[in-house]
Amino acid sequence: MSSILTNTAALTALSSLNKTASSLQMTQNRISTGLRVASAQDNAGYWSIATTMRSDNSALSTVKDALGLGSAAAEVAYTGTNAAIGLTQQIKDKLVAALQPGVDRTKIQAEVKQLQDQLKSTADSSSFSGQNWLSVDSGATGYNATRSTISSFTRSGTTVNVGTIDVNVTTTKLYDATGSTGVLDKTGSSGSSVANLDISTLTDSSADQAKLKSMITDVDSAISGMTTSAANLGAAKTRMTGQSTFIDALSAAITSGIGALVDANMTEESTKLSALQVQQQLGTQALTIANQSSQSILSLFR
C-alpha cells in the first residue's frame, strides 16, 4: 500500500543511517583518542580496572623517585665513610711512627689534629637532602635512628601496602653530638677516642708506650668498624638500585596491561571507518530514494 502519511522505506533507511552515524562517531572517537575505552560508558569494568592501574602506576613513579633519593643518600654516606677510612688510616700511621723513641710527638700531634678536623668536616659534609647518616644528634627532638626509603607499592583487593628499605644509622654514624657514641667519637680502651686522642704529652716511658699502643688498637678498631659500615651502605645502595630497575620493568608491564584493556586497534578501526563511510553514503542514497517514492503518487493525480 502506498501512503503519503507513512513512508516505511524511508523510516527503515533513516533508522539504518542513524545507526551507521552512531557507529561512525564511535570509530572516529577511538581513532582521535587512540582509546577503545575512553570513559566508563564505553566499558565500565575495563575503565574501572584501567583507572585503578593508572593510579597504582603513578604511585610506582613516586616510589622510583624515593628510591633515587635513598640511593643518593646511601652513596653520599658511603663516600664519606670511605674517605674517613683513608684519613683514619693516616692517623694510625702517625701513631705507629710516634712509637719510635725520641721522636717529636708534639709535631706528630699537630698533624694528627689536622686529620681529626678533616674527619669531622668530612662527616658533617656527608649530607644529602637534609639527611646525614654519619654525623648525628641522637638527643635531638624527633630523632629516629632508622632512615627509611620507600621501596614498593602493592595492592591486594582494596588494601594497599607500602614497603621500605631501612638503614639503621646507629651502625653507620661516625659522630654523635649526644653521648659520643659514634665510631670516631666514642671512648676506647685507651681512655680517648679517635676524634680527641692526643699524644703530645706522651713520653718514652713504658706506661706511655703502652697507652700509645692502646690508641693504635682503638684506631684500628675504628677502621674495622667503618669498613663494615661502608660494606653495609654499599649493600643498601645496591638493593635500592636493583629495586629501582625492577620498578621500571613493573611499570612498563602495567602500562602494557592497561593498553591491552583500553587501547584501540588502529588498523582495525581504520578498516571500520572506511566501511562505515561507505555504509553512510549508501544509507544517504537509500533515504533519498525512499523519500522520492512518495513523489510518484503525485503523478496519479495529474
C-alpha atoms as a PDB file:
ATOM      1  CA  MET A   1       0.000   0.000   0.000  1.00  0.00           C
ATOM      2  CA  SER A   2       1.204   3.422  -0.968  1.00  0.00           C
ATOM      3  CA  SER A   3       0.716   6.130   1.659  1.00  0.00           C
ATOM      4  CA  ILE A   4       1.640   9.779   1.901  1.00  0.00           C
ATOM      5  CA  LEU A   5       1.426   9.598   5.719  1.00  0.00           C
ATOM      6  CA  THR A   6       3.752   6.702   6.435  1.00  0.00           C
ATOM      7  CA  ASN A   7       6.838   6.058   4.333  1.00  0.00           C
ATOM      8  CA  THR A   8       8.061   2.697   5.699  1.00  0.00           C
ATOM      9  CA  ALA A   9      11.043   2.536   3.360  1.00  0.00           C
ATOM     10  CA  ALA A  10      12.192   6.000   4.412  1.00  0.00           C
ATOM     11  CA  LEU A  11      11.824   5.144   8.122  1.00  0.00           C
ATOM     12  CA  THR A  12      13.879   1.972   7.667  1.00  0.00           C
ATOM     13  CA  ALA A  13      16.549   3.826   5.718  1.00  0.00           C
ATOM     14  CA  LEU A  14      16.643   6.621   8.350  1.00  0.00           C
ATOM     15  CA  SER A  15      16.994   4.140  11.220  1.00  0.00           C
ATOM     16  CA  SER A  16      19.837   2.362   9.424  1.00  0.00           C
ATOM     17  CA  LEU A  17      21.521   5.680   8.635  1.00  0.00           C
ATOM     18  CA  ASN A  18      21.311   6.769  12.297  1.00  0.00           C
ATOM     19  CA  LYS A  19      22.909   3.516  13.457  1.00  0.00           C
ATOM     20  CA  THR A  20      25.679   3.947  10.920  1.00  0.00           C
ATOM     21  CA  ALA A  21      26.250   7.554  12.040  1.00  0.00           C
ATOM     22  CA  SER A  22      26.458   6.426  15.688  1.00  0.00           C
ATOM     23  CA  SER A  23      28.981   3.690  14.850  1.00  0.00           C
ATOM     24  CA  LEU A  24      30.929   6.127  12.700  1.00  0.00           C
ATOM     25  CA  GLN A  25      31.128   8.650  15.544  1.00  0.00           C
ATOM     26  CA  MET A  26      32.338   5.945  17.942  1.00  0.00           C
ATOM     27  CA  THR A  27      35.016   4.829  15.491  1.00  0.00           C
ATOM     28  CA  GLN A  28      36.145   8.404  14.884  1.00  0.00           C
ATOM     29  CA  ASN A  29      36.403   8.968  18.639  1.00  0.00           C
ATOM     30  CA  ARG A  30      38.554   5.852  19.025  1.00  0.00           C
ATOM     31  CA  ILE A  31      40.821   6.975  16.206  1.00  0.00           C
ATOM     32  CA  SER A  32      41.154  10.517  17.571  1.00  0.00           C
ATOM     33  CA  THR A  33      41.826   9.408  21.176  1.00  0.00           C
ATOM     34  CA  GLY A  34      43.586   6.125  20.471  1.00  0.00           C
ATOM     35  CA  LEU A  35      41.370   4.522  23.121  1.00  0.00           C
ATOM     36  CA  ARG A  36      38.816   1.772  22.761  1.00  0.00           C
ATOM     37  CA  VAL A  37      37.609   2.510  26.306  1.00  0.00           C
ATOM     38  CA  ALA A  38      37.892   6.241  26.918  1.00  0.00           C
ATOM     39  CA  SER A  39      35.181   6.565  29.564  1.00  0.00           C
ATOM     40  CA  ALA A  40      33.025   4.455  31.859  1.00  0.00           C
ATOM     41  CA  GLN A  41      30.170   4.411  29.344  1.00  0.00           C
ATOM     42  CA  ASP A  42      32.373   2.603  26.827  1.00  0.00           C
ATOM     43  CA  ASN A  43      33.022  -0.307  29.211  1.00  0.00           C
ATOM     44  CA  ALA A  44      32.542   0.333  32.922  1.00  0.00           C
ATOM     45  CA  GLY A  45      34.506  -2.736  34.050  1.00  0.00           C
ATOM     46  CA  TYR A  46      37.562  -2.166  31.908  1.00  0.00           C
ATOM     47  CA  TRP A  47      37.523   1.578  32.578  1.00  0.00           C
ATOM     48  CA  SER A  48      37.462   0.964  36.359  1.00  0.00           C
ATOM     49  CA  ILE A  49      40.337  -1.517  36.204  1.00  0.00           C
ATOM     50  CA  ALA A  50      42.426   0.737  33.950  1.00  0.00           C
ATOM     51  CA  THR A  51      41.830   3.786  36.165  1.00  0.00           C
ATOM     52  CA  THR A  52      42.988   1.885  39.267  1.00  0.00           C
ATOM     53  CA  MET A  53      46.030   0.534  37.442  1.00  0.00           C
ATOM     54  CA  ARG A  54      46.966   4.018  36.225  1.00  0.00           C
ATOM     55  CA  SER A  55      46.734   5.287  39.808  1.00  0.00           C
ATOM     56  CA  ASP A  56      48.993   2.473  41.035  1.00  0.00           C
ATOM     57  CA  ASN A  57      51.432   3.123  38.196  1.00  0.00           C
ATOM     58  CA  SER A  58      51.617   6.767  39.223  1.00  0.00           C
ATOM     59  CA  ALA A  59      52.400   5.633  42.783  1.00  0.00           C
ATOM     60  CA  LEU A  60      55.200   3.441  41.409  1.00  0.00           C
ATOM     61  CA  SER A  61      56.681   6.503  39.731  1.00  0.00           C
ATOM     62  CA  THR A  62      56.799   8.183  43.146  1.00  0.00           C
ATOM     63  CA  VAL A  63      58.403   5.049  44.615  1.00  0.00           C
ATOM     64  CA  LYS A  64      61.122   5.212  41.956  1.00  0.00           C
ATOM     65  CA  ASP A  65      61.807   8.856  42.839  1.00  0.00           C
ATOM     66  CA  ALA A  66      62.061   7.920  46.527  1.00  0.00           C
ATOM     67  CA  LEU A  67      64.489   5.106  45.681  1.00  0.00           C
ATOM     68  CA  GLY A  68      66.593   7.583  43.745  1.00  0.00           C
ATOM     69  CA  LEU A  69      66.787   9.883  46.760  1.00  0.00           C
ATOM     70  CA  GLY A  70      67.547   6.992  49.111  1.00  0.00           C
ATOM     71  CA  SER A  71      70.227   5.634  46.808  1.00  0.00           C
ATOM     72  CA  ALA A  72      71.847   9.061  46.594  1.00  0.00           C
ATOM     73  CA  ALA A  73      71.816   9.425  50.398  1.00  0.00           C
ATOM     74  CA  ALA A  74      73.433   5.996  50.769  1.00  0.00           C
ATOM     75  CA  GLU A  75      76.033   6.873  48.130  1.00  0.00           C
ATOM     76  CA  VAL A  76      76.927  10.116  49.933  1.00  0.00           C
ATOM     77  CA  ALA A  77      77.243   8.271  53.258  1.00  0.00           C
ATOM     78  CA  TYR A  78      79.365   5.570  51.617  1.00  0.00           C
ATOM     79  CA  THR A  79      81.640   8.148  50.004  1.00  0.00           C
ATOM     80  CA  GLY A  80      82.079   9.968  53.321  1.00  0.00           C
ATOM     81  CA  THR A  81      82.807   6.727  55.186  1.00  0.00           C
ATOM     82  CA  ASN A  82      85.308   5.628  52.568  1.00  0.00           C
ATOM     83  CA  ALA A  83      87.101   8.971  52.841  1.00  0.00           C
ATOM     84  CA  ALA A  84      87.062   8.698  56.647  1.00  0.00           C
ATOM     85  CA  ILE A  85      88.698   5.269  56.444  1.00  0.00           C
ATOM     86  CA  GLY A  86      91.598   6.760  54.488  1.00  0.00           C
ATOM     87  CA  LEU A  87      92.024   9.632  56.948  1.00  0.00           C
ATOM     88  CA  THR A  88      91.866   7.319  59.954  1.00  0.00           C
ATOM     89  CA  GLN A  89      94.486   5.083  58.371  1.00  0.00           C
ATOM     90  CA  GLN A  90      96.756   8.127  58.177  1.00  0.00           C
ATOM     91  CA  ILE A  91      96.189   8.750  61.885  1.00  0.00           C
ATOM     92  CA  LYS A  92      97.107   5.144  62.571  1.00  0.00           C
ATOM     93  CA  ASP A  93     100.307   5.576  60.559  1.00  0.00           C
ATOM     94  CA  LYS A  94     101.198   8.696  62.584  1.00  0.00           C
ATOM     95  CA  LEU A  95     100.650   6.812  65.853  1.00  0.00           C
ATOM     96  CA  VAL A  96     102.844   3.932  64.712  1.00  0.00           C
ATOM     97  CA  ALA A  97     105.560   6.462  63.849  1.00  0.00           C
ATOM     98  CA  ALA A  98     105.133   8.003  67.308  1.00  0.00           C
ATOM     99  CA  LEU A  99     106.174   4.686  68.911  1.00  0.00           C
ATOM    100  CA  GLN A 100     109.732   5.373  67.828  1.00  0.00           C
ATOM    101  CA  PRO A 101     111.677   6.580  70.866  1.00  0.00           C
ATOM    102  CA  GLY A 102     112.961  10.131  70.665  1.00  0.00           C
ATOM    103  CA  VAL A 103     110.501  11.424  68.037  1.00  0.00           C
ATOM    104  CA  ASP A 104     108.852  14.812  68.460  1.00  0.00           C
ATOM    105  CA  ARG A 105     105.311  13.735  69.352  1.00  0.00           C
ATOM    106  CA  THR A 106     104.151  17.350  69.574  1.00  0.00           C
ATOM    107  CA  LYS A 107     104.709  17.784  65.841  1.00  0.00           C
ATOM    108  CA  ILE A 108     103.100  14.438  65.109  1.00  0.00           C
ATOM    109  CA  GLN A 109     100.073  15.503  67.185  1.00  0.00           C
ATOM    110  CA  ALA A 110      99.816  18.688  65.104  1.00  0.00           C
ATOM    111  CA  GLU A 111      99.453  16.507  62.009  1.00  0.00           C
ATOM    112  CA  VAL A 112      97.008  14.197  63.788  1.00  0.00           C
ATOM    113  CA  LYS A 113      94.921  17.226  64.829  1.00  0.00           C
ATOM    114  CA  GLN A 114      94.605  18.326  61.215  1.00  0.00           C
ATOM    115  CA  LEU A 115      93.425  14.830  60.275  1.00  0.00           C
ATOM    116  CA  GLN A 116      90.945  14.823  63.171  1.00  0.00           C
ATOM    117  CA  ASP A 117      89.492  18.155  61.997  1.00  0.00           C
ATOM    118  CA  GLN A 118      89.267  16.847  58.451  1.00  0.00           C
ATOM    119  CA  LEU A 119      87.449  13.729  59.683  1.00  0.00           C
ATOM    120  CA  LYS A 120      84.836  15.863  61.429  1.00  0.00           C
ATOM    121  CA  SER A 121      84.453  18.084  58.386  1.00  0.00           C
ATOM    122  CA  THR A 122      84.051  15.033  56.136  1.00  0.00           C
ATOM    123  CA  ALA A 123      81.322  13.564  58.344  1.00  0.00           C
ATOM    124  CA  ASP A 124      79.477  16.885  58.674  1.00  0.00           C
ATOM    125  CA  SER A 125      79.613  17.438  54.902  1.00  0.00           C
ATOM    126  CA  SER A 126      78.268  13.995  54.022  1.00  0.00           C
ATOM    127  CA  SER A 127      74.696  15.264  53.861  1.00  0.00           C
ATOM    128  CA  PHE A 128      72.119  14.837  51.111  1.00  0.00           C
ATOM    129  CA  SER A 129      68.695  16.456  51.014  1.00  0.00           C
ATOM    130  CA  GLY A 130      68.943  17.295  54.718  1.00  0.00           C
ATOM    131  CA  GLN A 131      69.937  13.746  55.694  1.00  0.00           C
ATOM    132  CA  ASN A 132      73.273  12.979  57.316  1.00  0.00           C
ATOM    133  CA  TRP A 133      73.957   9.360  58.204  1.00  0.00           C
ATOM    134  CA  LEU A 134      77.473   9.962  59.539  1.00  0.00           C
ATOM    135  CA  SER A 135      77.165  12.953  61.873  1.00  0.00           C
ATOM    136  CA  VAL A 136      74.003  12.827  64.008  1.00  0.00           C
ATOM    137  CA  ASP A 137      72.497  14.097  67.244  1.00  0.00           C
ATOM    138  CA  SER A 138      70.602  11.265  68.904  1.00  0.00           C
ATOM    139  CA  GLY A 139      69.297  13.662  71.550  1.00  0.00           C
ATOM    140  CA  ALA A 140      67.539  15.942  69.077  1.00  0.00           C
ATOM    141  CA  THR A 141      63.759  16.180  69.170  1.00  0.00           C
ATOM    142  CA  GLY A 142      62.142  13.709  66.795  1.00  0.00           C
ATOM    143  CA  TYR A 143      65.401  11.852  66.163  1.00  0.00           C
ATOM    144  CA  ASN A 144      64.965   8.445  64.544  1.00  0.00           C
ATOM    145  CA  ALA A 145      67.955   6.165  64.060  1.00  0.00           C
ATOM    146  CA  THR A 146      66.177   4.287  61.247  1.00  0.00           C
ATOM    147  CA  ARG A 147      66.292   6.005  57.859  1.00  0.00           C
ATOM    148  CA  SER A 148      63.577   4.513  55.662  1.00  0.00           C
ATOM    149  CA  THR A 149      63.295   4.692  51.888  1.00  0.00           C
ATOM    150  CA  ILE A 150      60.000   3.775  50.187  1.00  0.00           C
ATOM    151  CA  SER A 151      60.750   0.768  48.017  1.00  0.00           C
ATOM    152  CA  SER A 152      57.435  -0.713  46.850  1.00  0.00           C
ATOM    153  CA  PHE A 153      53.707  -0.153  46.403  1.00  0.00           C
ATOM    154  CA  THR A 154      51.432  -3.183  46.189  1.00  0.00           C
ATOM    155  CA  ARG A 155      47.667  -3.719  46.091  1.00  0.00           C
ATOM    156  CA  SER A 156      45.685  -6.695  47.334  1.00  0.00           C
ATOM    157  CA  GLY A 157      41.998  -6.100  46.696  1.00  0.00           C
ATOM    158  CA  THR A 158      41.191  -2.807  48.404  1.00  0.00           C
ATOM    159  CA  THR A 159      44.257  -2.985  50.667  1.00  0.00           C
ATOM    160  CA  VAL A 160      47.483  -1.225  49.692  1.00  0.00           C
ATOM    161  CA  ASN A 161      50.904  -1.834  51.207  1.00  0.00           C
ATOM    162  CA  VAL A 162      53.970   0.374  51.076  1.00  0.00           C
ATOM    163  CA  GLY A 163      57.341  -1.340  51.586  1.00  0.00           C
ATOM    164  CA  THR A 164      60.553   0.303  52.757  1.00  0.00           C
ATOM    165  CA  ILE A 165      64.297  -0.308  52.788  1.00  0.00           C
ATOM    166  CA  ASP A 166      65.641   0.620  56.210  1.00  0.00           C
ATOM    167  CA  VAL A 167      69.141   1.676  57.213  1.00  0.00           C
ATOM    168  CA  ASN A 168      69.958   1.996  60.913  1.00  0.00           C
ATOM    169  CA  VAL A 169      72.413   4.876  61.320  1.00  0.00           C
ATOM    170  CA  THR A 170      73.423   3.517  64.717  1.00  0.00           C
ATOM    171  CA  THR A 171      75.795   1.263  62.773  1.00  0.00           C
ATOM    172  CA  THR A 172      76.946   3.942  60.307  1.00  0.00           C
ATOM    173  CA  LYS A 173      77.332   7.114  62.390  1.00  0.00           C
ATOM    174  CA  LEU A 174      80.847   8.396  62.929  1.00  0.00           C
ATOM    175  CA  TYR A 175      79.911  11.182  65.320  1.00  0.00           C
ATOM    176  CA  ASP A 176      77.015  11.615  67.734  1.00  0.00           C
ATOM    177  CA  ALA A 177      76.597  15.021  69.342  1.00  0.00           C
ATOM    178  CA  THR A 178      74.760  13.390  72.252  1.00  0.00           C
ATOM    179  CA  GLY A 179      76.650  10.727  74.166  1.00  0.00           C
ATOM    180  CA  SER A 180      79.599  10.481  71.764  1.00  0.00           C
ATOM    181  CA  THR A 181      78.623   7.009  70.598  1.00  0.00           C
ATOM    182  CA  GLY A 182      79.830   7.226  67.006  1.00  0.00           C
ATOM    183  CA  VAL A 183      82.646   5.136  65.587  1.00  0.00           C
ATOM    184  CA  LEU A 184      85.116   8.032  65.809  1.00  0.00           C
ATOM    185  CA  ASP A 185      83.984   9.882  68.924  1.00  0.00           C
ATOM    186  CA  LYS A 186      83.316   7.017  71.336  1.00  0.00           C
ATOM    187  CA  THR A 187      85.871   6.365  74.052  1.00  0.00           C
ATOM    188  CA  GLY A 188      88.075   3.327  73.513  1.00  0.00           C
ATOM    189  CA  SER A 189      90.283   1.192  75.729  1.00  0.00           C
ATOM    190  CA  SER A 190      92.927   3.937  75.783  1.00  0.00           C
ATOM    191  CA  GLY A 191      90.542   6.322  77.519  1.00  0.00           C
ATOM    192  CA  SER A 192      90.255   8.535  74.436  1.00  0.00           C
ATOM    193  CA  SER A 193      88.562   8.418  71.039  1.00  0.00           C
ATOM    194  CA  VAL A 194      89.903   8.753  67.525  1.00  0.00           C
ATOM    195  CA  ALA A 195      88.322  12.213  67.463  1.00  0.00           C
ATOM    196  CA  ASN A 196      90.137  13.547  70.522  1.00  0.00           C
ATOM    197  CA  LEU A 197      93.236  11.428  71.138  1.00  0.00           C
ATOM    198  CA  ASP A 198      96.326  13.473  71.992  1.00  0.00           C
ATOM    199  CA  ILE A 199      99.896  12.154  72.073  1.00  0.00           C
ATOM    200  CA  SER A 200     101.702  15.475  72.547  1.00  0.00           C
ATOM    201  CA  THR A 201     102.387  14.820  76.241  1.00  0.00           C
ATOM    202  CA  LEU A 202     103.412  11.174  75.931  1.00  0.00           C
ATOM    203  CA  THR A 203     106.991  10.184  76.662  1.00  0.00           C
ATOM    204  CA  ASP A 204     109.173   7.147  76.033  1.00  0.00           C
ATOM    205  CA  SER A 205     108.152   5.589  79.346  1.00  0.00           C
ATOM    206  CA  SER A 206     106.741   2.075  79.375  1.00  0.00           C
ATOM    207  CA  ALA A 207     103.349   3.358  80.578  1.00  0.00           C
ATOM    208  CA  ASP A 208     103.111   5.946  77.800  1.00  0.00           C
ATOM    209  CA  GLN A 209     104.273   3.440  75.200  1.00  0.00           C
ATOM    210  CA  ALA A 210     101.527   1.052  76.366  1.00  0.00           C
ATOM    211  CA  LYS A 211      98.953   3.851  76.157  1.00  0.00           C
ATOM    212  CA  LEU A 212     100.126   4.709  72.651  1.00  0.00           C
ATOM    213  CA  LYS A 213      99.769   1.068  71.584  1.00  0.00           C
ATOM    214  CA  SER A 214      96.262   1.072  73.093  1.00  0.00           C
ATOM    215  CA  MET A 215      95.429   4.140  70.966  1.00  0.00           C
ATOM    216  CA  ILE A 216      96.649   2.327  67.871  1.00  0.00           C
ATOM    217  CA  THR A 217      94.367  -0.579  68.751  1.00  0.00           C
ATOM    218  CA  ASP A 218      91.412   1.805  69.146  1.00  0.00           C
ATOM    219  CA  VAL A 219      92.136   3.440  65.791  1.00  0.00           C
ATOM    220  CA  ASP A 220      92.446   0.050  64.118  1.00  0.00           C
ATOM    221  CA  SER A 221      89.129  -0.987  65.653  1.00  0.00           C
ATOM    222  CA  ALA A 222      87.528   2.201  64.282  1.00  0.00           C
ATOM    223  CA  ILE A 223      88.860   1.398  60.794  1.00  0.00           C
ATOM    224  CA  SER A 224      87.368  -2.085  61.058  1.00  0.00           C
ATOM    225  CA  GLY A 225      84.021  -0.644  62.179  1.00  0.00           C
ATOM    226  CA  MET A 226      83.938   1.858  59.300  1.00  0.00           C
ATOM    227  CA  THR A 227      84.847  -0.869  56.820  1.00  0.00           C
ATOM    228  CA  THR A 228      81.837  -2.883  57.965  1.00  0.00           C
ATOM    229  CA  SER A 229      79.670   0.246  57.810  1.00  0.00           C
ATOM    230  CA  ALA A 230      80.830   1.037  54.256  1.00  0.00           C
ATOM    231  CA  ALA A 231      80.035  -2.524  53.196  1.00  0.00           C
ATOM    232  CA  ASN A 232      76.518  -2.242  54.664  1.00  0.00           C
ATOM    233  CA  LEU A 233      75.949   1.107  52.939  1.00  0.00           C
ATOM    234  CA  GLY A 234      77.139  -0.338  49.645  1.00  0.00           C
ATOM    235  CA  ALA A 235      74.764  -3.277  50.032  1.00  0.00           C
ATOM    236  CA  ALA A 236      71.854  -0.930  50.796  1.00  0.00           C
ATOM    237  CA  LYS A 237      72.625   1.182  47.720  1.00  0.00           C
ATOM    238  CA  THR A 238      72.846  -1.938  45.546  1.00  0.00           C
ATOM    239  CA  ARG A 239      69.465  -3.088  46.837  1.00  0.00           C
ATOM    240  CA  MET A 240      67.897   0.313  46.118  1.00  0.00           C
ATOM    241  CA  THR A 241      69.363   0.370  42.607  1.00  0.00           C
ATOM    242  CA  GLY A 242      68.089  -3.142  41.920  1.00  0.00           C
ATOM    243  CA  GLN A 243      64.639  -2.273  43.239  1.00  0.00           C
ATOM    244  CA  SER A 244      64.543   0.824  41.037  1.00  0.00           C
ATOM    245  CA  THR A 245      65.339  -1.324  37.989  1.00  0.00           C
ATOM    246  CA  PHE A 246      62.540  -3.703  38.949  1.00  0.00           C
ATOM    247  CA  ILE A 247      60.114  -0.778  39.377  1.00  0.00           C
ATOM    248  CA  ASP A 248      60.935   0.314  35.814  1.00  0.00           C
ATOM    249  CA  ALA A 249      60.127  -3.155  34.461  1.00  0.00           C
ATOM    250  CA  LEU A 250      56.979  -3.423  36.595  1.00  0.00           C
ATOM    251  CA  SER A 251      55.724  -0.018  35.475  1.00  0.00           C
ATOM    252  CA  ALA A 252      56.266  -0.975  31.825  1.00  0.00           C
ATOM    253  CA  ALA A 253      54.344  -4.226  32.349  1.00  0.00           C
ATOM    254  CA  ILE A 254      51.425  -2.386  33.984  1.00  0.00           C
ATOM    255  CA  THR A 255      51.360   0.165  31.164  1.00  0.00           C
ATOM    256  CA  SER A 256      51.240  -2.698  28.665  1.00  0.00           C
ATOM    257  CA  GLY A 257      48.390  -4.308  30.610  1.00  0.00           C
ATOM    258  CA  ILE A 258      46.407  -1.081  30.615  1.00  0.00           C
ATOM    259  CA  GLY A 259      46.928  -0.770  26.872  1.00  0.00           C
ATOM    260  CA  ALA A 260      45.607  -4.282  26.299  1.00  0.00           C
ATOM    261  CA  LEU A 261      42.408  -3.308  28.116  1.00  0.00           C
ATOM    262  CA  VAL A 262      41.626   0.109  26.708  1.00  0.00           C
ATOM    263  CA  ASP A 263      43.781   0.922  23.678  1.00  0.00           C
ATOM    264  CA  ALA A 264      42.162   0.912  20.254  1.00  0.00           C
ATOM    265  CA  ASN A 265      43.460  -1.297  17.458  1.00  0.00           C
ATOM    266  CA  MET A 266      44.144   1.442  14.937  1.00  0.00           C
ATOM    267  CA  THR A 267      44.412  -0.922  11.972  1.00  0.00           C
ATOM    268  CA  GLU A 268      41.029  -2.433  12.796  1.00  0.00           C
ATOM    269  CA  GLU A 269      39.446   0.956  13.462  1.00  0.00           C
ATOM    270  CA  SER A 270      40.699   2.419  10.185  1.00  0.00           C
ATOM    271  CA  THR A 271      39.155  -0.523   8.337  1.00  0.00           C
ATOM    272  CA  LYS A 272      35.854   0.042  10.161  1.00  0.00           C
ATOM    273  CA  LEU A 273      35.986   3.745   9.349  1.00  0.00           C
ATOM    274  CA  SER A 274      36.252   3.076   5.610  1.00  0.00           C
ATOM    275  CA  ALA A 275      33.403   0.561   5.721  1.00  0.00           C
ATOM    276  CA  LEU A 276      31.161   2.854   7.773  1.00  0.00           C
ATOM    277  CA  GLN A 277      31.794   5.790   5.470  1.00  0.00           C
ATOM    278  CA  VAL A 278      30.631   3.641   2.523  1.00  0.00           C
ATOM    279  CA  GLN A 279      27.594   2.496   4.551  1.00  0.00           C
ATOM    280  CA  GLN A 280      26.770   6.129   5.358  1.00  0.00           C
ATOM    281  CA  GLN A 281      26.904   7.099   1.707  1.00  0.00           C
ATOM    282  CA  LEU A 282      24.718   4.152   0.718  1.00  0.00           C
ATOM    283  CA  GLY A 283      22.295   4.918   3.561  1.00  0.00           C
ATOM    284  CA  THR A 284      22.005   8.515   2.417  1.00  0.00           C
ATOM    285  CA  GLN A 285      21.249   7.379  -1.123  1.00  0.00           C
ATOM    286  CA  ALA A 286      18.705   4.832   0.136  1.00  0.00           C
ATOM    287  CA  LEU A 287      16.943   7.510   2.182  1.00  0.00           C
ATOM    288  CA  THR A 288      16.893   9.829  -0.797  1.00  0.00           C
ATOM    289  CA  ILE A 289      15.319   7.128  -2.984  1.00  0.00           C
ATOM    290  CA  ALA A 290      12.773   6.272  -0.278  1.00  0.00           C
ATOM    291  CA  ASN A 291      11.770   9.927   0.059  1.00  0.00           C
ATOM    292  CA  GLN A 292      11.348  10.234  -3.678  1.00  0.00           C
ATOM    293  CA  SER A 293       8.877   7.326  -3.788  1.00  0.00           C
ATOM    294  CA  SER A 294       6.097   9.482  -2.366  1.00  0.00           C
ATOM    295  CA  GLN A 295       6.612  11.948  -5.201  1.00  0.00           C
ATOM    296  CA  SER A 296       5.432   9.268  -7.671  1.00  0.00           C
ATOM    297  CA  ILE A 297       1.984   9.349  -6.058  1.00  0.00           C
ATOM    298  CA  LEU A 298       1.514  12.893  -7.458  1.00  0.00           C
ATOM    299  CA  SER A 299       1.624  11.529 -10.997  1.00  0.00           C
ATOM    300  CA  LEU A 300      -1.540   9.591 -10.284  1.00  0.00           C
ATOM    301  CA  PHE A 301      -3.464  12.843  -9.814  1.00  0.00           C
ATOM    302  CA  ARG A 302      -2.228  14.646 -12.918  1.00  0.00           C
END
